[in-house]
Amino acid sequence: MEPPRSNASERVGRMVRELRSKASMSRTKLAERAQIDVRHLSRIEAGRGNPTLFLLIQLATALDVKPESFVKGLTATDLPEDIKPYSEADFRRELRRRGPD
């Protein structure tokens, strides 16, 4: 089985799964309510999907929770290893590298 994409993806997936279970809702029913493919929902719950903001809002609405509950407490350290946030110095260095527009 494929590992979770990141700590953030794993946490969001676990939360979706727990909320769905708490609501006694099948994956199929949640997918219908959120208007997404059940296979995509399965990948999200397993931490292998990368839900968009739009999709998180759809899921939150279908689960009757606030969208921000999915991302509360997440930080850049929860992102995949290959995605590093820019520091101010990195940002300025990148601007210099790109040159004038």
PDB file of N, CA and C in Angstrom:
ATOM      1  N   MET A   1       0.835  -1.183   0.000  1.00  0.00           N
ATOM      2  CA  MET A   1       0.000   0.000   0.000  1.00  0.00           C
ATOM      3  C   MET A   1       0.884   1.252   0.000  1.00  0.00           C
ATOM      4  N   GLU A   2       0.446   2.227  -0.720  1.00  0.00           N
ATOM      5  CA  GLU A   2       1.163   3.501  -0.854  1.00  0.00           C
ATOM      6  C   GLU A   2       1.130   4.271   0.472  1.00  0.00           C
ATOM      7  N   PRO A   3       2.265   4.839   0.894  1.00  0.00           N
ATOM      8  CA  PRO A   3       2.288   5.594   2.157  1.00  0.00           C
ATOM      9  C   PRO A   3       1.553   6.928   2.003  1.00  0.00           C
ATOM     10  N   PRO A   4       1.175   7.554   3.125  1.00  0.00           N
ATOM     11  CA  PRO A   4       0.542   8.872   3.062  1.00  0.00           C
ATOM     12  C   PRO A   4       1.449   9.870   2.358  1.00  0.00           C
ATOM     13  N   ARG A   5       0.847  10.818   1.684  1.00  0.00           N
ATOM     14  CA  ARG A   5       1.585  11.845   0.949  1.00  0.00           C
ATOM     15  C   ARG A   5       2.399  12.734   1.885  1.00  0.00           C
ATOM     16  N   SER A   6       1.827  13.058   3.046  1.00  0.00           N
ATOM     17  CA  SER A   6       2.485  13.918   4.024  1.00  0.00           C
ATOM     18  C   SER A   6       1.749  13.790   5.346  1.00  0.00           C
ATOM     19  N   ASN A   7       2.317  14.397   6.382  1.00  0.00           N
ATOM     20  CA  ASN A   7       1.616  14.435   7.672  1.00  0.00           C
ATOM     21  C   ASN A   7       0.294  15.179   7.535  1.00  0.00           C
ATOM     22  N   ALA A   8       0.286  16.244   6.747  1.00  0.00           N
ATOM     23  CA  ALA A   8      -0.934  17.025   6.550  1.00  0.00           C
ATOM     24  C   ALA A   8      -2.008  16.184   5.867  1.00  0.00           C
ATOM     25  N   SER A   9      -1.637  15.488   4.806  1.00  0.00           N
ATOM     26  CA  SER A   9      -2.599  14.644   4.089  1.00  0.00           C
ATOM     27  C   SER A   9      -3.124  13.531   4.981  1.00  0.00           C
ATOM     28  N   GLU A  10      -2.232  12.957   5.763  1.00  0.00           N
ATOM     29  CA  GLU A  10      -2.635  11.872   6.666  1.00  0.00           C
ATOM     30  C   GLU A  10      -3.618  12.388   7.718  1.00  0.00           C
ATOM     31  N   ARG A  11      -3.327  13.560   8.265  1.00  0.00           N
ATOM     32  CA  ARG A  11      -4.205  14.120   9.302  1.00  0.00           C
ATOM     33  C   ARG A  11      -5.577  14.483   8.741  1.00  0.00           C
ATOM     34  N   VAL A  12      -5.606  15.124   7.581  1.00  0.00           N
ATOM     35  CA  VAL A  12      -6.877  15.484   6.959  1.00  0.00           C
ATOM     36  C   VAL A  12      -7.675  14.217   6.641  1.00  0.00           C
ATOM     37  N   GLY A  13      -7.006  13.223   6.082  1.00  0.00           N
ATOM     38  CA  GLY A  13      -7.685  11.974   5.753  1.00  0.00           C
ATOM     39  C   GLY A  13      -8.269  11.291   6.969  1.00  0.00           C
ATOM     40  N   ARG A  14      -7.486  11.254   8.038  1.00  0.00           N
ATOM     41  CA  ARG A  14      -7.968  10.632   9.273  1.00  0.00           C
ATOM     42  C   ARG A  14      -9.181  11.378   9.813  1.00  0.00           C
ATOM     43  N   MET A  15      -9.139  12.709   9.743  1.00  0.00           N
ATOM     44  CA  MET A  15     -10.249  13.502  10.241  1.00  0.00           C
ATOM     45  C   MET A  15     -11.520  13.254   9.412  1.00  0.00           C
ATOM     46  N   VAL A  16     -11.374  13.211   8.092  1.00  0.00           N
ATOM     47  CA  VAL A  16     -12.528  12.938   7.222  1.00  0.00           C
ATOM     48  C   VAL A  16     -13.121  11.575   7.574  1.00  0.00           C
ATOM     49  N   ARG A  17     -12.260  10.583   7.695  1.00  0.00           N
ATOM     50  CA  ARG A  17     -12.711   9.216   8.013  1.00  0.00           C
ATOM     51  C   ARG A  17     -13.425   9.173   9.365  1.00  0.00           C
ATOM     52  N   GLU A  18     -12.855   9.840  10.383  1.00  0.00           N
ATOM     53  CA  GLU A  18     -13.460   9.846  11.714  1.00  0.00           C
ATOM     54  C   GLU A  18     -14.799  10.574  11.724  1.00  0.00           C
ATOM     55  N   LEU A  19     -14.874  11.707  11.043  1.00  0.00           N
ATOM     56  CA  LEU A  19     -16.143  12.447  10.975  1.00  0.00           C
ATOM     57  C   LEU A  19     -17.200  11.659  10.221  1.00  0.00           C
ATOM     58  N   ARG A  20     -16.792  10.997   9.155  1.00  0.00           N
ATOM     59  CA  ARG A  20     -17.727  10.174   8.379  1.00  0.00           C
ATOM     60  C   ARG A  20     -18.244   9.024   9.233  1.00  0.00           C
ATOM     61  N   SER A  21     -17.340   8.393   9.960  1.00  0.00           N
ATOM     62  CA  SER A  21     -17.717   7.274  10.831  1.00  0.00           C
ATOM     63  C   SER A  21     -18.645   7.749  11.946  1.00  0.00           C
ATOM     64  N   LYS A  22     -18.323   8.880  12.547  1.00  0.00           N
ATOM     65  CA  LYS A  22     -19.142   9.449  13.623  1.00  0.00           C
ATOM     66  C   LYS A  22     -20.560   9.750  13.127  1.00  0.00           C
ATOM     67  N   ALA A  23     -20.671  10.145  11.869  1.00  0.00           N
ATOM     68  CA  ALA A  23     -21.975  10.447  11.274  1.00  0.00           C
ATOM     69  C   ALA A  23     -22.661   9.185  10.747  1.00  0.00           C
ATOM     70  N   SER A  24     -22.030   8.021  10.963  1.00  0.00           N
ATOM     71  CA  SER A  24     -22.563   6.737  10.466  1.00  0.00           C
ATOM     72  C   SER A  24     -22.874   6.818   8.969  1.00  0.00           C
ATOM     73  N   MET A  25     -21.921   7.353   8.232  1.00  0.00           N
ATOM     74  CA  MET A  25     -22.105   7.567   6.803  1.00  0.00           C
ATOM     75  C   MET A  25     -21.124   6.691   6.023  1.00  0.00           C
ATOM     76  N   SER A  26     -21.597   6.059   4.993  1.00  0.00           N
ATOM     77  CA  SER A  26     -20.706   5.260   4.141  1.00  0.00           C
ATOM     78  C   SER A  26     -19.870   6.193   3.273  1.00  0.00           C
ATOM     79  N   ARG A  27     -18.793   5.652   2.722  1.00  0.00           N
ATOM     80  CA  ARG A  27     -17.982   6.439   1.785  1.00  0.00           C
ATOM     81  C   ARG A  27     -18.820   6.858   0.592  1.00  0.00           C
ATOM     82  N   THR A  28     -19.612   5.943   0.111  1.00  0.00           N
ATOM     83  CA  THR A  28     -20.452   6.232  -1.060  1.00  0.00           C
ATOM     84  C   THR A  28     -21.392   7.395  -0.773  1.00  0.00           C
ATOM     85  N   LYS A  29     -22.017   7.387   0.400  1.00  0.00           N
ATOM     86  CA  LYS A  29     -22.954   8.454   0.755  1.00  0.00           C
ATOM     87  C   LYS A  29     -22.229   9.798   0.895  1.00  0.00           C
ATOM     88  N   LEU A  30     -21.058   9.804   1.547  1.00  0.00           N
ATOM     89  CA  LEU A  30     -20.313  11.053   1.682  1.00  0.00           C
ATOM     90  C   LEU A  30     -19.861  11.558   0.314  1.00  0.00           C
ATOM     91  N   ALA A  31     -19.399  10.661  -0.531  1.00  0.00           N
ATOM     92  CA  ALA A  31     -18.976  11.058  -1.877  1.00  0.00           C
ATOM     93  C   ALA A  31     -20.134  11.680  -2.642  1.00  0.00           C
ATOM     94  N   GLU A  32     -21.313  11.110  -2.514  1.00  0.00           N
ATOM     95  CA  GLU A  32     -22.500  11.675  -3.177  1.00  0.00           C
ATOM     96  C   GLU A  32     -22.812  13.060  -2.625  1.00  0.00           C
ATOM     97  N   ARG A  33     -22.812  13.185  -1.301  1.00  0.00           N
ATOM     98  CA  ARG A  33     -23.141  14.470  -0.674  1.00  0.00           C
ATOM     99  C   ARG A  33     -22.120  15.545  -1.018  1.00  0.00           C
ATOM    100  N   ALA A  34     -20.850  15.163  -1.124  1.00  0.00           N
ATOM    101  CA  ALA A  34     -19.785  16.121  -1.438  1.00  0.00           C
ATOM    102  C   ALA A  34     -19.583  16.281  -2.944  1.00  0.00           C
ATOM    103  N   GLN A  35     -20.301  15.491  -3.721  1.00  0.00           N
ATOM    104  CA  GLN A  35     -20.229  15.522  -5.186  1.00  0.00           C
ATOM    105  C   GLN A  35     -18.810  15.245  -5.689  1.00  0.00           C
ATOM    106  N   ILE A  36     -18.212  14.174  -5.154  1.00  0.00           N
ATOM    107  CA  ILE A  36     -16.888  13.746  -5.606  1.00  0.00           C
ATOM    108  C   ILE A  36     -16.924  12.251  -5.890  1.00  0.00           C
ATOM    109  N   ASP A  37     -15.924  11.778  -6.564  1.00  0.00           N
ATOM    110  CA  ASP A  37     -15.803  10.357  -6.865  1.00  0.00           C
ATOM    111  C   ASP A  37     -15.406   9.595  -5.607  1.00  0.00           C
ATOM    112  N   VAL A  38     -16.029   8.460  -5.365  1.00  0.00           N
ATOM    113  CA  VAL A  38     -15.752   7.680  -4.158  1.00  0.00           C
ATOM    114  C   VAL A  38     -14.299   7.206  -4.121  1.00  0.00           C
ATOM    115  N   ARG A  39     -13.684   6.974  -5.273  1.00  0.00           N
ATOM    116  CA  ARG A  39     -12.275   6.576  -5.301  1.00  0.00           C
ATOM    117  C   ARG A  39     -11.378   7.714  -4.826  1.00  0.00           C
ATOM    118  N   HIS A  40     -11.739   8.941  -5.196  1.00  0.00           N
ATOM    119  CA  HIS A  40     -10.968  10.103  -4.745  1.00  0.00           C
ATOM    120  C   HIS A  40     -11.114  10.254  -3.230  1.00  0.00           C
ATOM    121  N   LEU A  41     -12.321  10.071  -2.725  1.00  0.00           N
ATOM    122  CA  LEU A  41     -12.552  10.136  -1.283  1.00  0.00           C
ATOM    123  C   LEU A  41     -11.723   9.075  -0.565  1.00  0.00           C
ATOM    124  N   SER A  42     -11.663   7.892  -1.125  1.00  0.00           N
ATOM    125  CA  SER A  42     -10.876   6.813  -0.537  1.00  0.00           C
ATOM    126  C   SER A  42      -9.402   7.192  -0.443  1.00  0.00           C
ATOM    127  N   ARG A  43      -8.874   7.822  -1.501  1.00  0.00           N
ATOM    128  CA  ARG A  43      -7.472   8.258  -1.492  1.00  0.00           C
ATOM    129  C   ARG A  43      -7.247   9.352  -0.441  1.00  0.00           C
ATOM    130  N   ILE A  44      -8.198  10.256  -0.297  1.00  0.00           N
ATOM    131  CA  ILE A  44      -8.079  11.325   0.705  1.00  0.00           C
ATOM    132  C   ILE A  44      -8.062  10.712   2.100  1.00  0.00           C
ATOM    133  N   GLU A  45      -8.991   9.803   2.369  1.00  0.00           N
ATOM    134  CA  GLU A  45      -9.054   9.177   3.690  1.00  0.00           C
ATOM    135  C   GLU A  45      -7.791   8.386   4.011  1.00  0.00           C
ATOM    136  N   ALA A  46      -7.140   7.839   3.000  1.00  0.00           N
ATOM    137  CA  ALA A  46      -5.913   7.086   3.198  1.00  0.00           C
ATOM    138  C   ALA A  46      -4.684   7.996   3.309  1.00  0.00           C
ATOM    139  N   GLY A  47      -4.869   9.320   3.134  1.00  0.00           N
ATOM    140  CA  GLY A  47      -3.752  10.257   3.215  1.00  0.00           C
ATOM    141  C   GLY A  47      -2.933  10.334   1.946  1.00  0.00           C
ATOM    142  N   ARG A  48      -3.452   9.746   0.866  1.00  0.00           N
ATOM    143  CA  ARG A  48      -2.707   9.758  -0.396  1.00  0.00           C
ATOM    144  C   ARG A  48      -3.240  10.805  -1.367  1.00  0.00           C
ATOM    145  N   GLY A  49      -4.384  11.379  -1.068  1.00  0.00           N
ATOM    146  CA  GLY A  49      -4.945  12.412  -1.925  1.00  0.00           C
ATOM    147  C   GLY A  49      -4.444  13.784  -1.527  1.00  0.00           C
ATOM    148  N   ASN A  50      -4.713  14.739  -2.369  1.00  0.00           N
ATOM    149  CA  ASN A  50      -4.317  16.115  -2.115  1.00  0.00           C
ATOM    150  C   ASN A  50      -5.533  16.995  -2.377  1.00  0.00           C
ATOM    151  N   PRO A  51      -6.462  17.053  -1.413  1.00  0.00           N
ATOM    152  CA  PRO A  51      -7.699  17.791  -1.659  1.00  0.00           C
ATOM    153  C   PRO A  51      -7.473  19.293  -1.824  1.00  0.00           C
ATOM    154  N   THR A  52      -8.179  19.862  -2.766  1.00  0.00           N
ATOM    155  CA  THR A  52      -8.130  21.308  -2.977  1.00  0.00           C
ATOM    156  C   THR A  52      -8.948  22.003  -1.899  1.00  0.00           C
ATOM    157  N   LEU A  53      -8.805  23.292  -1.810  1.00  0.00           N
ATOM    158  CA  LEU A  53      -9.611  24.078  -0.884  1.00  0.00           C
ATOM    159  C   LEU A  53     -11.092  23.893  -1.202  1.00  0.00           C
ATOM    160  N   PHE A  54     -11.430  23.907  -2.474  1.00  0.00           N
ATOM    161  CA  PHE A  54     -12.821  23.720  -2.907  1.00  0.00           C
ATOM    162  C   PHE A  54     -13.352  22.389  -2.385  1.00  0.00           C
ATOM    163  N   LEU A  55     -12.558  21.336  -2.517  1.00  0.00           N
ATOM    164  CA  LEU A  55     -12.978  20.011  -2.080  1.00  0.00           C
ATOM    165  C   LEU A  55     -13.103  19.945  -0.560  1.00  0.00           C
ATOM    166  N   LEU A  56     -12.200  20.590   0.161  1.00  0.00           N
ATOM    167  CA  LEU A  56     -12.313  20.617   1.614  1.00  0.00           C
ATOM    168  C   LEU A  56     -13.603  21.304   2.052  1.00  0.00           C
ATOM    169  N   ILE A  57     -13.994  22.347   1.345  1.00  0.00           N
ATOM    170  CA  ILE A  57     -15.249  23.031   1.660  1.00  0.00           C
ATOM    171  C   ILE A  57     -16.433  22.113   1.366  1.00  0.00           C
ATOM    172  N   GLN A  58     -16.381  21.382   0.255  1.00  0.00           N
ATOM    173  CA  GLN A  58     -17.443  20.428  -0.072  1.00  0.00           C
ATOM    174  C   GLN A  58     -17.553  19.355   1.010  1.00  0.00           C
ATOM    175  N   LEU A  59     -16.426  18.800   1.415  1.00  0.00           N
ATOM    176  CA  LEU A  59     -16.436  17.761   2.446  1.00  0.00           C
ATOM    177  C   LEU A  59     -16.945  18.314   3.775  1.00  0.00           C
ATOM    178  N   ALA A  60     -16.484  19.499   4.143  1.00  0.00           N
ATOM    179  CA  ALA A  60     -16.931  20.108   5.395  1.00  0.00           C
ATOM    180  C   ALA A  60     -18.442  20.324   5.385  1.00  0.00           C
ATOM    181  N   THR A  61     -18.958  20.800   4.272  1.00  0.00           N
ATOM    182  CA  THR A  61     -20.392  21.021   4.158  1.00  0.00           C
ATOM    183  C   THR A  61     -21.149  19.702   4.282  1.00  0.00           C
ATOM    184  N   ALA A  62     -20.667  18.674   3.594  1.00  0.00           N
ATOM    185  CA  ALA A  62     -21.317  17.362   3.635  1.00  0.00           C
ATOM    186  C   ALA A  62     -21.241  16.736   5.022  1.00  0.00           C
ATOM    187  N   LEU A  63     -20.189  17.051   5.783  1.00  0.00           N
ATOM    188  CA  LEU A  63     -20.014  16.488   7.124  1.00  0.00           C
ATOM    189  C   LEU A  63     -20.516  17.417   8.226  1.00  0.00           C
ATOM    190  N   ASP A  64     -21.014  18.581   7.833  1.00  0.00           N
ATOM    191  CA  ASP A  64     -21.562  19.567   8.760  1.00  0.00           C
ATOM    192  C   ASP A  64     -20.520  20.039   9.784  1.00  0.00           C
ATOM    193  N   VAL A  65     -19.331  20.378   9.274  1.00  0.00           N
ATOM    194  CA  VAL A  65     -18.280  20.959  10.111  1.00  0.00           C
ATOM    195  C   VAL A  65     -17.746  22.205   9.402  1.00  0.00           C
ATOM    196  N   LYS A  66     -16.985  22.999  10.116  1.00  0.00           N
ATOM    197  CA  LYS A  66     -16.369  24.177   9.507  1.00  0.00           C
ATOM    198  C   LYS A  66     -15.160  23.738   8.682  1.00  0.00           C
ATOM    199  N   PRO A  67     -14.956  24.306   7.501  1.00  0.00           N
ATOM    200  CA  PRO A  67     -13.813  23.926   6.667  1.00  0.00           C
ATOM    201  C   PRO A  67     -12.471  24.081   7.370  1.00  0.00           C
ATOM    202  N   GLU A  68     -12.350  25.098   8.204  1.00  0.00           N
ATOM    203  CA  GLU A  68     -11.061  25.333   8.860  1.00  0.00           C
ATOM    204  C   GLU A  68     -10.679  24.209   9.833  1.00  0.00           C
ATOM    205  N   SER A  69     -11.642  23.392  10.210  1.00  0.00           N
ATOM    206  CA  SER A  69     -11.322  22.293  11.126  1.00  0.00           C
ATOM    207  C   SER A  69     -10.345  21.304  10.499  1.00  0.00           C
ATOM    208  N   PHE A  70     -10.296  21.235   9.171  1.00  0.00           N
ATOM    209  CA  PHE A  70      -9.380  20.319   8.503  1.00  0.00           C
ATOM    210  C   PHE A  70      -7.932  20.788   8.545  1.00  0.00           C
ATOM    211  N   VAL A  71      -7.706  22.076   8.637  1.00  0.00           N
ATOM    212  CA  VAL A  71      -6.329  22.594   8.572  1.00  0.00           C
ATOM    213  C   VAL A  71      -5.849  23.217   9.877  1.00  0.00           C
ATOM    214  N   LYS A  72      -6.712  23.320  10.854  1.00  0.00           N
ATOM    215  CA  LYS A  72      -6.332  23.927  12.128  1.00  0.00           C
ATOM    216  C   LYS A  72      -5.159  23.165  12.740  1.00  0.00           C
ATOM    217  N   GLY A  73      -4.127  23.900  13.067  1.00  0.00           N
ATOM    218  CA  GLY A  73      -2.959  23.315  13.711  1.00  0.00           C
ATOM    219  C   GLY A  73      -1.888  22.815  12.754  1.00  0.00           C
ATOM    220  N   LEU A  74      -2.173  22.775  11.468  1.00  0.00           N
ATOM    221  CA  LEU A  74      -1.164  22.332  10.503  1.00  0.00           C
ATOM    222  C   LEU A  74      -0.151  23.447  10.273  1.00  0.00           C
ATOM    223  N   THR A  75       1.094  23.057  10.059  1.00  0.00           N
ATOM    224  CA  THR A  75       2.154  24.026   9.774  1.00  0.00           C
ATOM    225  C   THR A  75       2.962  23.532   8.579  1.00  0.00           C
ATOM    226  N   ALA A  76       3.923  24.314   8.175  1.00  0.00           N
ATOM    227  CA  ALA A  76       4.768  23.937   7.040  1.00  0.00           C
ATOM    228  C   ALA A  76       5.509  22.636   7.295  1.00  0.00           C
ATOM    229  N   THR A  77       5.761  22.306   8.546  1.00  0.00           N
ATOM    230  CA  THR A  77       6.457  21.052   8.849  1.00  0.00           C
ATOM    231  C   THR A  77       5.601  19.828   8.517  1.00  0.00           C
ATOM    232  N   ASP A  78       4.302  20.018   8.334  1.00  0.00           N
ATOM    233  CA  ASP A  78       3.406  18.916   7.982  1.00  0.00           C
ATOM    234  C   ASP A  78       3.354  18.661   6.478  1.00  0.00           C
ATOM    235  N   LEU A  79       3.993  19.524   5.698  1.00  0.00           N
ATOM    236  CA  LEU A  79       4.007  19.377   4.244  1.00  0.00           C
ATOM    237  C   LEU A  79       4.982  18.281   3.825  1.00  0.00           C
ATOM    238  N   PRO A  80       4.868  17.800   2.584  1.00  0.00           N
ATOM    239  CA  PRO A  80       5.831  16.806   2.100  1.00  0.00           C
ATOM    240  C   PRO A  80       7.251  17.361   2.155  1.00  0.00           C
ATOM    241  N   GLU A  81       8.210  16.473   2.319  1.00  0.00           N
ATOM    242  CA  GLU A  81       9.613  16.874   2.431  1.00  0.00           C
ATOM    243  C   GLU A  81      10.098  17.685   1.228  1.00  0.00           C
ATOM    244  N   ASP A  82       9.560  17.399   0.041  1.00  0.00           N
ATOM    245  CA  ASP A  82      10.039  18.089  -1.158  1.00  0.00           C
ATOM    246  C   ASP A  82       9.406  19.474  -1.337  1.00  0.00           C
ATOM    247  N   ILE A  83       8.546  19.866  -0.416  1.00  0.00           N
ATOM    248  CA  ILE A  83       7.934  21.198  -0.472  1.00  0.00           C
ATOM    249  C   ILE A  83       8.388  21.960   0.762  1.00  0.00           C
ATOM    250  N   LYS A  84       9.259  22.877   0.553  1.00  0.00           N
ATOM    251  CA  LYS A  84       9.783  23.662   1.665  1.00  0.00           C
ATOM    252  C   LYS A  84       9.307  25.103   1.518  1.00  0.00           C
ATOM    253  N   PRO A  85       8.816  25.697   2.594  1.00  0.00           N
ATOM    254  CA  PRO A  85       8.394  27.102   2.501  1.00  0.00           C
ATOM    255  C   PRO A  85       9.604  28.006   2.352  1.00  0.00           C
ATOM    256  N   TYR A  86       9.387  29.094   1.669  1.00  0.00           N
ATOM    257  CA  TYR A  86      10.448  30.084   1.491  1.00  0.00           C
ATOM    258  C   TYR A  86      10.659  30.861   2.785  1.00  0.00           C
ATOM    259  N   SER A  87      11.903  31.079   3.115  1.00  0.00           N
ATOM    260  CA  SER A  87      12.215  32.064   4.148  1.00  0.00           C
ATOM    261  C   SER A  87      12.256  33.411   3.419  1.00  0.00           C
ATOM    262  N   GLU A  88      12.322  34.478   4.140  1.00  0.00           N
ATOM    263  CA  GLU A  88      12.417  35.805   3.516  1.00  0.00           C
ATOM    264  C   GLU A  88      13.675  35.886   2.651  1.00  0.00           C
ATOM    265  N   ALA A  89      14.786  35.331   3.156  1.00  0.00           N
ATOM    266  CA  ALA A  89      16.046  35.359   2.393  1.00  0.00           C
ATOM    267  C   ALA A  89      15.919  34.534   1.115  1.00  0.00           C
ATOM    268  N   ASP A  90      15.292  33.358   1.196  1.00  0.00           N
ATOM    269  CA  ASP A  90      15.081  32.520   0.013  1.00  0.00           C
ATOM    270  C   ASP A  90      14.225  33.252  -1.020  1.00  0.00           C
ATOM    271  N   PHE A  91      13.183  33.914  -0.540  1.00  0.00           N
ATOM    272  CA  PHE A  91      12.281  34.638  -1.425  1.00  0.00           C
ATOM    273  C   PHE A  91      13.036  35.737  -2.182  1.00  0.00           C
ATOM    274  N   ARG A  92      13.827  36.519  -1.468  1.00  0.00           N
ATOM    275  CA  ARG A  92      14.591  37.602  -2.103  1.00  0.00           C
ATOM    276  C   ARG A  92      15.638  37.050  -3.075  1.00  0.00           C
ATOM    277  N   ARG A  93      16.291  35.965  -2.691  1.00  0.00           N
ATOM    278  CA  ARG A  93      17.271  35.318  -3.566  1.00  0.00           C
ATOM    279  C   ARG A  93      16.593  34.848  -4.859  1.00  0.00           C
ATOM    280  N   GLU A  94      15.416  34.276  -4.748  1.00  0.00           N
ATOM    281  CA  GLU A  94      14.682  33.803  -5.935  1.00  0.00           C
ATOM    282  C   GLU A  94      14.288  34.982  -6.818  1.00  0.00           C
ATOM    283  N   LEU A  95      13.871  36.087  -6.216  1.00  0.00           N
ATOM    284  CA  LEU A  95      13.531  37.270  -7.014  1.00  0.00           C
ATOM    285  C   LEU A  95      14.741  37.780  -7.781  1.00  0.00           C
ATOM    286  N   ARG A  96      15.907  37.816  -7.132  1.00  0.00           N
ATOM    287  CA  ARG A  96      17.140  38.255  -7.806  1.00  0.00           C
ATOM    288  C   ARG A  96      17.510  37.298  -8.950  1.00  0.00           C
ATOM    289  N   ARG A  97      17.341  36.008  -8.698  1.00  0.00           N
ATOM    290  CA  ARG A  97      17.662  35.008  -9.713  1.00  0.00           C
ATOM    291  C   ARG A  97      16.796  35.171 -10.948  1.00  0.00           C
ATOM    292  N   ARG A  98      15.530  35.507 -10.751  1.00  0.00           N
ATOM    293  CA  ARG A  98      14.604  35.670 -11.881  1.00  0.00           C
ATOM    294  C   ARG A  98      14.870  36.945 -12.656  1.00  0.00           C
ATOM    295  N   GLY A  99      15.421  37.932 -11.987  1.00  0.00           N
ATOM    296  CA  GLY A  99      15.734  39.183 -12.665  1.00  0.00           C
ATOM    297  C   GLY A  99      14.483  40.059 -12.823  1.00  0.00           C
ATOM    298  N   PRO A 100      14.677  41.228 -13.468  1.00  0.00           N
ATOM    299  CA  PRO A 100      13.543  42.156 -13.651  1.00  0.00           C
ATOM    300  C   PRO A 100      12.532  41.570 -14.629  1.00  0.00           C
ATOM    301  N   ASP A 101      11.287  41.921 -14.380  1.00  0.00           N
ATOM    302  CA  ASP A 101      10.201  41.420 -15.248  1.00  0.00           C
ATOM    303  C   ASP A 101      10.114  42.148 -16.537  1.00  0.00           C
TER     304      ASP A 101
END
